[in-house]
Amino acid sequence: MSLIDIQKQVDEWTNQFTPQYFKPLSIMAKLSEELGELSKEINDRYGDRIKKSGEDTKDIGSEICDIIFALTCLANSHNINLDESWKSIMKKFNTRDHSRFERKDQFEPFN
């Protein structure tokens, strides 16, 4: 599924509500909340935090998708085509960071 497909799916779902998208600061608050949930789960698994008894283990993939959903809402509310933005950012990484990190043998950069 492409980013534009994800954007269309989110747009179709949010189109049933008024307002279709919250204000940018509200979306950012939701994004921060979702990032906090992902951070907590990562810290529970790999950090020093000890999970309280009775606390559920969350699915990391679902937490990441909550973040993607919030970011997609932000992009849609600003009429940003994420496919085009993604191509631009990958071009930047492939150019700017081409020699920045140690490479594996026979690695070809993505276009």
PDB file of N, CA and C in Angstrom:
ATOM      1  N   MET A   1       0.855  -1.170   0.000  1.00  0.00           N
ATOM      2  CA  MET A   1       0.000   0.000   0.000  1.00  0.00           C
ATOM      3  C   MET A   1       0.901   1.233   0.000  1.00  0.00           C
ATOM      4  N   SER A   2       0.637   2.145  -0.901  1.00  0.00           N
ATOM      5  CA  SER A   2       1.428   3.371  -0.981  1.00  0.00           C
ATOM      6  C   SER A   2       0.947   4.380   0.066  1.00  0.00           C
ATOM      7  N   LEU A   3       1.742   5.392   0.291  1.00  0.00           N
ATOM      8  CA  LEU A   3       1.347   6.442   1.231  1.00  0.00           C
ATOM      9  C   LEU A   3       0.086   7.159   0.754  1.00  0.00           C
ATOM     10  N   ILE A   4      -0.034   7.359  -0.552  1.00  0.00           N
ATOM     11  CA  ILE A   4      -1.227   8.033  -1.074  1.00  0.00           C
ATOM     12  C   ILE A   4      -2.469   7.162  -0.850  1.00  0.00           C
ATOM     13  N   ASP A   5      -2.299   5.842  -0.908  1.00  0.00           N
ATOM     14  CA  ASP A   5      -3.419   4.940  -0.611  1.00  0.00           C
ATOM     15  C   ASP A   5      -3.836   5.065   0.851  1.00  0.00           C
ATOM     16  N   ILE A   6      -2.846   5.149   1.729  1.00  0.00           N
ATOM     17  CA  ILE A   6      -3.132   5.340   3.153  1.00  0.00           C
ATOM     18  C   ILE A   6      -3.851   6.672   3.356  1.00  0.00           C
ATOM     19  N   GLN A   7      -3.374   7.713   2.687  1.00  0.00           N
ATOM     20  CA  GLN A   7      -4.012   9.022   2.816  1.00  0.00           C
ATOM     21  C   GLN A   7      -5.468   8.984   2.350  1.00  0.00           C
ATOM     22  N   LYS A   8      -5.724   8.299   1.256  1.00  0.00           N
ATOM     23  CA  LYS A   8      -7.098   8.192   0.754  1.00  0.00           C
ATOM     24  C   LYS A   8      -7.979   7.420   1.739  1.00  0.00           C
ATOM     25  N   GLN A   9      -7.452   6.347   2.302  1.00  0.00           N
ATOM     26  CA  GLN A   9      -8.214   5.547   3.253  1.00  0.00           C
ATOM     27  C   GLN A   9      -8.556   6.361   4.500  1.00  0.00           C
ATOM     28  N   VAL A  10      -7.588   7.102   5.023  1.00  0.00           N
ATOM     29  CA  VAL A  10      -7.835   7.955   6.190  1.00  0.00           C
ATOM     30  C   VAL A  10      -8.834   9.049   5.833  1.00  0.00           C
ATOM     31  N   ASP A  11      -8.678   9.647   4.654  1.00  0.00           N
ATOM     32  CA  ASP A  11      -9.579  10.716   4.235  1.00  0.00           C
ATOM     33  C   ASP A  11     -11.019  10.221   4.106  1.00  0.00           C
ATOM     34  N   GLU A  12     -11.188   9.033   3.551  1.00  0.00           N
ATOM     35  CA  GLU A  12     -12.533   8.456   3.425  1.00  0.00           C
ATOM     36  C   GLU A  12     -13.145   8.206   4.792  1.00  0.00           C
ATOM     37  N   TRP A  13     -12.346   7.705   5.741  1.00  0.00           N
ATOM     38  CA  TRP A  13     -12.866   7.429   7.068  1.00  0.00           C
ATOM     39  C   TRP A  13     -13.213   8.716   7.807  1.00  0.00           C
ATOM     40  N   THR A  14     -12.329   9.702   7.759  1.00  0.00           N
ATOM     41  CA  THR A  14     -12.568  10.951   8.492  1.00  0.00           C
ATOM     42  C   THR A  14     -13.658  11.802   7.856  1.00  0.00           C
ATOM     43  N   ASN A  15     -13.962  11.552   6.604  1.00  0.00           N
ATOM     44  CA  ASN A  15     -14.969  12.350   5.892  1.00  0.00           C
ATOM     45  C   ASN A  15     -16.368  12.195   6.488  1.00  0.00           C
ATOM     46  N   GLN A  16     -16.578  11.190   7.318  1.00  0.00           N
ATOM     47  CA  GLN A  16     -17.894  10.991   7.919  1.00  0.00           C
ATOM     48  C   GLN A  16     -18.120  11.884   9.145  1.00  0.00           C
ATOM     49  N   PHE A  17     -17.104  12.636   9.555  1.00  0.00           N
ATOM     50  CA  PHE A  17     -17.187  13.447  10.765  1.00  0.00           C
ATOM     51  C   PHE A  17     -17.076  14.937  10.472  1.00  0.00           C
ATOM     52  N   THR A  18     -17.576  15.730  11.414  1.00  0.00           N
ATOM     53  CA  THR A  18     -17.441  17.183  11.347  1.00  0.00           C
ATOM     54  C   THR A  18     -16.830  17.652  12.643  1.00  0.00           C
ATOM     55  N   PRO A  19     -15.714  18.308  12.633  1.00  0.00           N
ATOM     56  CA  PRO A  19     -14.886  18.571  11.452  1.00  0.00           C
ATOM     57  C   PRO A  19     -14.192  17.289  10.993  1.00  0.00           C
ATOM     58  N   GLN A  20     -13.829  17.281   9.727  1.00  0.00           N
ATOM     59  CA  GLN A  20     -13.155  16.100   9.192  1.00  0.00           C
ATOM     60  C   GLN A  20     -11.805  15.897   9.871  1.00  0.00           C
ATOM     61  N   TYR A  21     -11.090  16.983  10.057  1.00  0.00           N
ATOM     62  CA  TYR A  21      -9.789  16.929  10.731  1.00  0.00           C
ATOM     63  C   TYR A  21      -9.769  17.963  11.838  1.00  0.00           C
ATOM     64  N   PHE A  22      -9.160  17.604  12.961  1.00  0.00           N
ATOM     65  CA  PHE A  22      -8.999  18.557  14.053  1.00  0.00           C
ATOM     66  C   PHE A  22      -7.978  19.615  13.654  1.00  0.00           C
ATOM     67  N   LYS A  23      -7.895  20.652  14.448  1.00  0.00           N
ATOM     68  CA  LYS A  23      -6.896  21.700  14.221  1.00  0.00           C
ATOM     69  C   LYS A  23      -5.506  21.103  14.408  1.00  0.00           C
ATOM     70  N   PRO A  24      -4.506  21.691  13.743  1.00  0.00           N
ATOM     71  CA  PRO A  24      -3.148  21.133  13.794  1.00  0.00           C
ATOM     72  C   PRO A  24      -2.608  20.908  15.213  1.00  0.00           C
ATOM     73  N   LEU A  25      -2.871  21.821  16.130  1.00  0.00           N
ATOM     74  CA  LEU A  25      -2.356  21.625  17.488  1.00  0.00           C
ATOM     75  C   LEU A  25      -3.019  20.434  18.175  1.00  0.00           C
ATOM     76  N   SER A  26      -4.285  20.195  17.884  1.00  0.00           N
ATOM     77  CA  SER A  26      -4.964  19.022  18.448  1.00  0.00           C
ATOM     78  C   SER A  26      -4.406  17.733  17.857  1.00  0.00           C
ATOM     79  N   ILE A  27      -4.099  17.763  16.569  1.00  0.00           N
ATOM     80  CA  ILE A  27      -3.489  16.590  15.940  1.00  0.00           C
ATOM     81  C   ILE A  27      -2.110  16.349  16.545  1.00  0.00           C
ATOM     82  N   MET A  28      -1.356  17.413  16.770  1.00  0.00           N
ATOM     83  CA  MET A  28      -0.033  17.268  17.383  1.00  0.00           C
ATOM     84  C   MET A  28      -0.136  16.703  18.806  1.00  0.00           C
ATOM     85  N   ALA A  29      -1.158  17.119  19.546  1.00  0.00           N
ATOM     86  CA  ALA A  29      -1.356  16.575  20.889  1.00  0.00           C
ATOM     87  C   ALA A  29      -1.635  15.074  20.812  1.00  0.00           C
ATOM     88  N   LYS A  30      -2.472  14.668  19.864  1.00  0.00           N
ATOM     89  CA  LYS A  30      -2.773  13.245  19.674  1.00  0.00           C
ATOM     90  C   LYS A  30      -1.510  12.489  19.260  1.00  0.00           C
ATOM     91  N   LEU A  31      -0.737  13.081  18.373  1.00  0.00           N
ATOM     92  CA  LEU A  31       0.511  12.466  17.936  1.00  0.00           C
ATOM     93  C   LEU A  31       1.461  12.277  19.117  1.00  0.00           C
ATOM     94  N   SER A  32       1.560  13.290  19.970  1.00  0.00           N
ATOM     95  CA  SER A  32       2.415  13.195  21.157  1.00  0.00           C
ATOM     96  C   SER A  32       1.940  12.092  22.090  1.00  0.00           C
ATOM     97  N   GLU A  33       0.625  11.987  22.250  1.00  0.00           N
ATOM     98  CA  GLU A  33       0.043  10.929  23.091  1.00  0.00           C
ATOM     99  C   GLU A  33       0.402   9.547  22.551  1.00  0.00           C
ATOM    100  N   GLU A  34       0.245   9.378  21.244  1.00  0.00           N
ATOM    101  CA  GLU A  34       0.536   8.080  20.626  1.00  0.00           C
ATOM    102  C   GLU A  34       2.028   7.765  20.691  1.00  0.00           C
ATOM    103  N   LEU A  35       2.869   8.761  20.496  1.00  0.00           N
ATOM    104  CA  LEU A  35       4.306   8.549  20.603  1.00  0.00           C
ATOM    105  C   LEU A  35       4.687   8.154  22.030  1.00  0.00           C
ATOM    106  N   GLY A  36       4.023   8.760  22.999  1.00  0.00           N
ATOM    107  CA  GLY A  36       4.257   8.392  24.395  1.00  0.00           C
ATOM    108  C   GLY A  36       3.895   6.945  24.667  1.00  0.00           C
ATOM    109  N   GLU A  37       2.800   6.469  24.086  1.00  0.00           N
ATOM    110  CA  GLU A  37       2.405   5.072  24.272  1.00  0.00           C
ATOM    111  C   GLU A  37       3.430   4.123  23.660  1.00  0.00           C
ATOM    112  N   LEU A  38       3.942   4.474  22.470  1.00  0.00           N
ATOM    113  CA  LEU A  38       4.982   3.660  21.851  1.00  0.00           C
ATOM    114  C   LEU A  38       6.259   3.687  22.694  1.00  0.00           C
ATOM    115  N   SER A  39       6.624   4.872  23.149  1.00  0.00           N
ATOM    116  CA  SER A  39       7.830   5.020  23.968  1.00  0.00           C
ATOM    117  C   SER A  39       7.736   4.198  25.244  1.00  0.00           C
ATOM    118  N   LYS A  40       6.588   4.210  25.872  1.00  0.00           N
ATOM    119  CA  LYS A  40       6.383   3.447  27.103  1.00  0.00           C
ATOM    120  C   LYS A  40       6.553   1.952  26.842  1.00  0.00           C
ATOM    121  N   GLU A  41       5.978   1.471  25.757  1.00  0.00           N
ATOM    122  CA  GLU A  41       6.080   0.047  25.442  1.00  0.00           C
ATOM    123  C   GLU A  41       7.522  -0.350  25.127  1.00  0.00           C
ATOM    124  N   ILE A  42       8.227   0.486  24.378  1.00  0.00           N
ATOM    125  CA  ILE A  42       9.633   0.206  24.064  1.00  0.00           C
ATOM    126  C   ILE A  42      10.455   0.203  25.357  1.00  0.00           C
ATOM    127  N   ASN A  43      10.191   1.175  26.225  1.00  0.00           N
ATOM    128  CA  ASN A  43      10.910   1.242  27.500  1.00  0.00           C
ATOM    129  C   ASN A  43      10.577   0.032  28.376  1.00  0.00           C
ATOM    130  N   ASP A  44       9.324  -0.402  28.364  1.00  0.00           N
ATOM    131  CA  ASP A  44       8.936  -1.598  29.137  1.00  0.00           C
ATOM    132  C   ASP A  44       9.714  -2.831  28.675  1.00  0.00           C
ATOM    133  N   ARG A  45       9.926  -2.924  27.378  1.00  0.00           N
ATOM    134  CA  ARG A  45      10.580  -4.120  26.836  1.00  0.00           C
ATOM    135  C   ARG A  45      12.101  -4.044  26.878  1.00  0.00           C
ATOM    136  N   TYR A  46      12.653  -2.876  26.614  1.00  0.00           N
ATOM    137  CA  TYR A  46      14.094  -2.790  26.419  1.00  0.00           C
ATOM    138  C   TYR A  46      14.800  -1.829  27.367  1.00  0.00           C
ATOM    139  N   GLY A  47      14.054  -1.078  28.147  1.00  0.00           N
ATOM    140  CA  GLY A  47      14.645  -0.083  29.025  1.00  0.00           C
ATOM    141  C   GLY A  47      14.661  -0.521  30.471  1.00  0.00           C
ATOM    142  N   ASP A  48      14.850   0.457  31.313  1.00  0.00           N
ATOM    143  CA  ASP A  48      14.973   0.195  32.745  1.00  0.00           C
ATOM    144  C   ASP A  48      13.629   0.156  33.466  1.00  0.00           C
ATOM    145  N   ARG A  49      12.573   0.582  32.800  1.00  0.00           N
ATOM    146  CA  ARG A  49      11.265   0.621  33.447  1.00  0.00           C
ATOM    147  C   ARG A  49      10.761  -0.791  33.697  1.00  0.00           C
ATOM    148  N   ILE A  50      10.203  -1.006  34.852  1.00  0.00           N
ATOM    149  CA  ILE A  50       9.601  -2.294  35.190  1.00  0.00           C
ATOM    150  C   ILE A  50       8.088  -2.130  35.098  1.00  0.00           C
ATOM    151  N   LYS A  51       7.476  -2.952  34.271  1.00  0.00           N
ATOM    152  CA  LYS A  51       6.028  -2.893  34.059  1.00  0.00           C
ATOM    153  C   LYS A  51       5.304  -3.226  35.357  1.00  0.00           C
ATOM    154  N   LYS A  52       4.258  -2.461  35.646  1.00  0.00           N
ATOM    155  CA  LYS A  52       3.440  -2.729  36.837  1.00  0.00           C
ATOM    156  C   LYS A  52       2.653  -4.015  36.629  1.00  0.00           C
ATOM    157  N   SER A  53       2.374  -4.714  37.704  1.00  0.00           N
ATOM    158  CA  SER A  53       1.589  -5.939  37.572  1.00  0.00           C
ATOM    159  C   SER A  53       0.205  -5.571  37.039  1.00  0.00           C
ATOM    160  N   GLY A  54      -0.282  -6.365  36.128  1.00  0.00           N
ATOM    161  CA  GLY A  54      -1.589  -6.118  35.538  1.00  0.00           C
ATOM    162  C   GLY A  54      -1.548  -5.223  34.309  1.00  0.00           C
ATOM    163  N   GLU A  55      -0.393  -4.597  34.022  1.00  0.00           N
ATOM    164  CA  GLU A  55      -0.280  -3.753  32.830  1.00  0.00           C
ATOM    165  C   GLU A  55      -0.195  -4.641  31.596  1.00  0.00           C
ATOM    166  N   ASP A  56      -0.991  -4.313  30.600  1.00  0.00           N
ATOM    167  CA  ASP A  56      -0.986  -5.088  29.368  1.00  0.00           C
ATOM    168  C   ASP A  56       0.243  -4.765  28.523  1.00  0.00           C
ATOM    169  N   THR A  57       0.712  -5.781  27.808  1.00  0.00           N
ATOM    170  CA  THR A  57       1.749  -5.564  26.802  1.00  0.00           C
ATOM    171  C   THR A  57       1.044  -5.100  25.540  1.00  0.00           C
ATOM    172  N   LYS A  58       1.539  -4.007  24.979  1.00  0.00           N
ATOM    173  CA  LYS A  58       0.916  -3.460  23.771  1.00  0.00           C
ATOM    174  C   LYS A  58       1.663  -3.945  22.537  1.00  0.00           C
ATOM    175  N   ASP A  59       0.954  -3.985  21.430  1.00  0.00           N
ATOM    176  CA  ASP A  59       1.525  -4.380  20.156  1.00  0.00           C
ATOM    177  C   ASP A  59       2.272  -3.186  19.560  1.00  0.00           C
ATOM    178  N   ILE A  60       3.563  -3.331  19.374  1.00  0.00           N
ATOM    179  CA  ILE A  60       4.373  -2.224  18.868  1.00  0.00           C
ATOM    180  C   ILE A  60       3.901  -1.797  17.480  1.00  0.00           C
ATOM    181  N   GLY A  61       3.548  -2.754  16.633  1.00  0.00           N
ATOM    182  CA  GLY A  61       3.052  -2.418  15.295  1.00  0.00           C
ATOM    183  C   GLY A  61       1.806  -1.551  15.343  1.00  0.00           C
ATOM    184  N   SER A  62       0.886  -1.871  16.241  1.00  0.00           N
ATOM    185  CA  SER A  62      -0.333  -1.065  16.383  1.00  0.00           C
ATOM    186  C   SER A  62      -0.015   0.333  16.876  1.00  0.00           C
ATOM    187  N   GLU A  63       0.937   0.425  17.791  1.00  0.00           N
ATOM    188  CA  GLU A  63       1.321   1.746  18.297  1.00  0.00           C
ATOM    189  C   GLU A  63       1.957   2.589  17.194  1.00  0.00           C
ATOM    190  N   ILE A  64       2.776   1.975  16.361  1.00  0.00           N
ATOM    191  CA  ILE A  64       3.368   2.697  15.229  1.00  0.00           C
ATOM    192  C   ILE A  64       2.278   3.142  14.261  1.00  0.00           C
ATOM    193  N   CYS A  65       1.300   2.276  14.013  1.00  0.00           N
ATOM    194  CA  CYS A  65       0.207   2.634  13.095  1.00  0.00           C
ATOM    195  C   CYS A  65      -0.659   3.757  13.649  1.00  0.00           C
ATOM    196  N   ASP A  66      -0.826   3.828  14.975  1.00  0.00           N
ATOM    197  CA  ASP A  66      -1.534   4.971  15.568  1.00  0.00           C
ATOM    198  C   ASP A  66      -0.810   6.270  15.231  1.00  0.00           C
ATOM    199  N   ILE A  67       0.514   6.235  15.258  1.00  0.00           N
ATOM    200  CA  ILE A  67       1.314   7.410  14.919  1.00  0.00           C
ATOM    201  C   ILE A  67       1.170   7.737  13.436  1.00  0.00           C
ATOM    202  N   ILE A  68       1.226   6.720  12.598  1.00  0.00           N
ATOM    203  CA  ILE A  68       1.056   6.932  11.154  1.00  0.00           C
ATOM    204  C   ILE A  68      -0.312   7.544  10.870  1.00  0.00           C
ATOM    205  N   PHE A  69      -1.346   7.070  11.553  1.00  0.00           N
ATOM    206  CA  PHE A  69      -2.690   7.619  11.368  1.00  0.00           C
ATOM    207  C   PHE A  69      -2.719   9.099  11.719  1.00  0.00           C
ATOM    208  N   ALA A  70      -2.154   9.462  12.862  1.00  0.00           N
ATOM    209  CA  ALA A  70      -2.149  10.871  13.282  1.00  0.00           C
ATOM    210  C   ALA A  70      -1.352  11.724  12.301  1.00  0.00           C
ATOM    211  N   LEU A  71      -0.208  11.228  11.859  1.00  0.00           N
ATOM    212  CA  LEU A  71       0.595  11.977  10.889  1.00  0.00           C
ATOM    213  C   LEU A  71      -0.133  12.119   9.553  1.00  0.00           C
ATOM    214  N   THR A  72      -0.858  11.083   9.169  1.00  0.00           N
ATOM    215  CA  THR A  72      -1.632  11.144   7.932  1.00  0.00           C
ATOM    216  C   THR A  72      -2.740  12.182   8.042  1.00  0.00           C
ATOM    217  N   CYS A  73      -3.389  12.257   9.193  1.00  0.00           N
ATOM    218  CA  CYS A  73      -4.402  13.295   9.405  1.00  0.00           C
ATOM    219  C   CYS A  73      -3.785  14.678   9.270  1.00  0.00           C
ATOM    220  N   LEU A  74      -2.602  14.862   9.829  1.00  0.00           N
ATOM    221  CA  LEU A  74      -1.922  16.154   9.732  1.00  0.00           C
ATOM    222  C   LEU A  74      -1.585  16.471   8.277  1.00  0.00           C
ATOM    223  N   ALA A  75      -1.054  15.502   7.561  1.00  0.00           N
ATOM    224  CA  ALA A  75      -0.736  15.704   6.140  1.00  0.00           C
ATOM    225  C   ALA A  75      -1.991  16.015   5.334  1.00  0.00           C
ATOM    226  N   ASN A  76      -3.042  15.242   5.545  1.00  0.00           N
ATOM    227  CA  ASN A  76      -4.284  15.466   4.801  1.00  0.00           C
ATOM    228  C   ASN A  76      -4.882  16.836   5.089  1.00  0.00           C
ATOM    229  N   SER A  77      -4.812  17.244   6.334  1.00  0.00           N
ATOM    230  CA  SER A  77      -5.393  18.546   6.692  1.00  0.00           C
ATOM    231  C   SER A  77      -4.615  19.702   6.076  1.00  0.00           C
ATOM    232  N   HIS A  78      -3.396  19.426   5.613  1.00  0.00           N
ATOM    233  CA  HIS A  78      -2.574  20.444   4.952  1.00  0.00           C
ATOM    234  C   HIS A  78      -2.411  20.175   3.450  1.00  0.00           C
ATOM    235  N   ASN A  79      -3.193  19.242   2.921  1.00  0.00           N
ATOM    236  CA  ASN A  79      -3.136  18.887   1.496  1.00  0.00           C
ATOM    237  C   ASN A  79      -1.724  18.523   1.045  1.00  0.00           C
ATOM    238  N   ILE A  80      -1.036  17.745   1.862  1.00  0.00           N
ATOM    239  CA  ILE A  80       0.322  17.299   1.546  1.00  0.00           C
ATOM    240  C   ILE A  80       0.242  15.906   0.939  1.00  0.00           C
ATOM    241  N   ASN A  81       0.867  15.732  -0.213  1.00  0.00           N
ATOM    242  CA  ASN A  81       0.958  14.428  -0.861  1.00  0.00           C
ATOM    243  C   ASN A  81       2.181  13.718  -0.283  1.00  0.00           C
ATOM    244  N   LEU A  82       1.955  12.722   0.564  1.00  0.00           N
ATOM    245  CA  LEU A  82       3.062  12.048   1.241  1.00  0.00           C
ATOM    246  C   LEU A  82       3.925  11.219   0.290  1.00  0.00           C
ATOM    247  N   ASP A  83       3.365  10.734  -0.812  1.00  0.00           N
ATOM    248  CA  ASP A  83       4.188  10.019  -1.788  1.00  0.00           C
ATOM    249  C   ASP A  83       5.262  10.950  -2.343  1.00  0.00           C
ATOM    250  N   GLU A  84       4.853  12.156  -2.708  1.00  0.00           N
ATOM    251  CA  GLU A  84       5.811  13.134  -3.248  1.00  0.00           C
ATOM    252  C   GLU A  84       6.813  13.563  -2.175  1.00  0.00           C
ATOM    253  N   SER A  85       6.344  13.802  -0.982  1.00  0.00           N
ATOM    254  CA  SER A  85       7.246  14.190   0.105  1.00  0.00           C
ATOM    255  C   SER A  85       8.237  13.076   0.415  1.00  0.00           C
ATOM    256  N   TRP A  86       7.767  11.824   0.362  1.00  0.00           N
ATOM    257  CA  TRP A  86       8.647  10.686   0.632  1.00  0.00           C
ATOM    258  C   TRP A  86       9.751  10.597  -0.422  1.00  0.00           C
ATOM    259  N   LYS A  87       9.387  10.764  -1.693  1.00  0.00           N
ATOM    260  CA  LYS A  87      10.396  10.721  -2.762  1.00  0.00           C
ATOM    261  C   LYS A  87      11.453  11.796  -2.532  1.00  0.00           C
ATOM    262  N   SER A  88      11.023  12.967  -2.135  1.00  0.00           N
ATOM    263  CA  SER A  88      11.938  14.076  -1.898  1.00  0.00           C
ATOM    264  C   SER A  88      12.876  13.784  -0.720  1.00  0.00           C
ATOM    265  N   ILE A  89      12.343  13.247   0.344  1.00  0.00           N
ATOM    266  CA  ILE A  89      13.171  12.978   1.523  1.00  0.00           C
ATOM    267  C   ILE A  89      14.156  11.847   1.252  1.00  0.00           C
ATOM    268  N   MET A  90      13.761  10.837   0.484  1.00  0.00           N
ATOM    269  CA  MET A  90      14.676   9.747   0.166  1.00  0.00           C
ATOM    270  C   MET A  90      15.786  10.233  -0.756  1.00  0.00           C
ATOM    271  N   LYS A  91      15.461  11.145  -1.666  1.00  0.00           N
ATOM    272  CA  LYS A  91      16.491  11.743  -2.522  1.00  0.00           C
ATOM    273  C   LYS A  91      17.508  12.475  -1.655  1.00  0.00           C
ATOM    274  N   LYS A  92      17.024  13.207  -0.658  1.00  0.00           N
ATOM    275  CA  LYS A  92      17.912  13.923   0.261  1.00  0.00           C
ATOM    276  C   LYS A  92      18.819  12.943   1.001  1.00  0.00           C
ATOM    277  N   PHE A  93      18.255  11.877   1.553  1.00  0.00           N
ATOM    278  CA  PHE A  93      19.065  10.909   2.289  1.00  0.00           C
ATOM    279  C   PHE A  93      20.080  10.224   1.386  1.00  0.00           C
ATOM    280  N   ASN A  94      19.657   9.856   0.177  1.00  0.00           N
ATOM    281  CA  ASN A  94      20.554   9.176  -0.752  1.00  0.00           C
ATOM    282  C   ASN A  94      21.674  10.080  -1.245  1.00  0.00           C
ATOM    283  N   THR A  95      21.451  11.381  -1.219  1.00  0.00           N
ATOM    284  CA  THR A  95      22.471  12.336  -1.655  1.00  0.00           C
ATOM    285  C   THR A  95      23.323  12.786  -0.476  1.00  0.00           C
ATOM    286  N   ARG A  96      22.703  13.361   0.518  1.00  0.00           N
ATOM    287  CA  ARG A  96      23.406  13.932   1.657  1.00  0.00           C
ATOM    288  C   ARG A  96      24.123  12.874   2.486  1.00  0.00           C
ATOM    289  N   ASP A  97      23.484  11.745   2.697  1.00  0.00           N
ATOM    290  CA  ASP A  97      24.019  10.736   3.610  1.00  0.00           C
ATOM    291  C   ASP A  97      24.651   9.545   2.891  1.00  0.00           C
ATOM    292  N   HIS A  98      24.917   9.705   1.596  1.00  0.00           N
ATOM    293  CA  HIS A  98      25.453   8.608   0.796  1.00  0.00           C
ATOM    294  C   HIS A  98      26.718   8.004   1.407  1.00  0.00           C
ATOM    295  N   SER A  99      27.604   8.830   1.915  1.00  0.00           N
ATOM    296  CA  SER A  99      28.876   8.346   2.466  1.00  0.00           C
ATOM    297  C   SER A  99      28.972   8.557   3.975  1.00  0.00           C
ATOM    298  N   ARG A 100      27.873   8.834   4.603  1.00  0.00           N
ATOM    299  CA  ARG A 100      27.886   9.186   6.023  1.00  0.00           C
ATOM    300  C   ARG A 100      28.101   7.992   6.951  1.00  0.00           C
ATOM    301  N   PHE A 101      27.585   6.846   6.595  1.00  0.00           N
ATOM    302  CA  PHE A 101      27.637   5.668   7.457  1.00  0.00           C
ATOM    303  C   PHE A 101      28.418   4.558   6.786  1.00  0.00           C
ATOM    304  N   GLU A 102      28.908   3.617   7.603  1.00  0.00           N
ATOM    305  CA  GLU A 102      29.615   2.466   7.063  1.00  0.00           C
ATOM    306  C   GLU A 102      28.634   1.634   6.249  1.00  0.00           C
ATOM    307  N   ARG A 103      29.059   1.259   5.060  1.00  0.00           N
ATOM    308  CA  ARG A 103      28.190   0.513   4.155  1.00  0.00           C
ATOM    309  C   ARG A 103      28.485  -0.981   4.187  1.00  0.00           C
ATOM    310  N   LYS A 104      27.433  -1.752   3.932  1.00  0.00           N
ATOM    311  CA  LYS A 104      27.592  -3.183   3.711  1.00  0.00           C
ATOM    312  C   LYS A 104      28.134  -3.365   2.291  1.00  0.00           C
ATOM    313  N   ASP A 105      28.820  -4.457   2.035  1.00  0.00           N
ATOM    314  CA  ASP A 105      29.316  -4.728   0.686  1.00  0.00           C
ATOM    315  C   ASP A 105      28.148  -4.920  -0.272  1.00  0.00           C
ATOM    316  N   GLN A 106      28.309  -4.452  -1.474  1.00  0.00           N
ATOM    317  CA  GLN A 106      27.358  -4.647  -2.563  1.00  0.00           C
ATOM    318  C   GLN A 106      25.992  -4.019  -2.306  1.00  0.00           C
ATOM    319  N   PHE A 107      25.942  -2.941  -1.538  1.00  0.00           N
ATOM    320  CA  PHE A 107      24.656  -2.301  -1.268  1.00  0.00           C
ATOM    321  C   PHE A 107      24.369  -1.253  -2.326  1.00  0.00           C
ATOM    322  N   GLU A 108      23.163  -1.295  -2.869  1.00  0.00           N
ATOM    323  CA  GLU A 108      22.715  -0.295  -3.832  1.00  0.00           C
ATOM    324  C   GLU A 108      21.680   0.598  -3.158  1.00  0.00           C
ATOM    325  N   PRO A 109      21.853   1.931  -3.213  1.00  0.00           N
ATOM    326  CA  PRO A 109      20.867   2.814  -2.576  1.00  0.00           C
ATOM    327  C   PRO A 109      19.518   2.754  -3.291  1.00  0.00           C
ATOM    328  N   PHE A 110      18.471   3.029  -2.523  1.00  0.00           N
ATOM    329  CA  PHE A 110      17.122   3.063  -3.077  1.00  0.00           C
ATOM    330  C   PHE A 110      16.940   4.345  -3.873  1.00  0.00           C
ATOM    331  N   ASN A 111      16.108   4.290  -4.889  1.00  0.00           N
ATOM    332  CA  ASN A 111      15.772   5.489  -5.686  1.00  0.00           C
ATOM    333  C   ASN A 111      14.392   5.943  -5.377  1.00  0.00           C
TER     334      ASN A 111
END
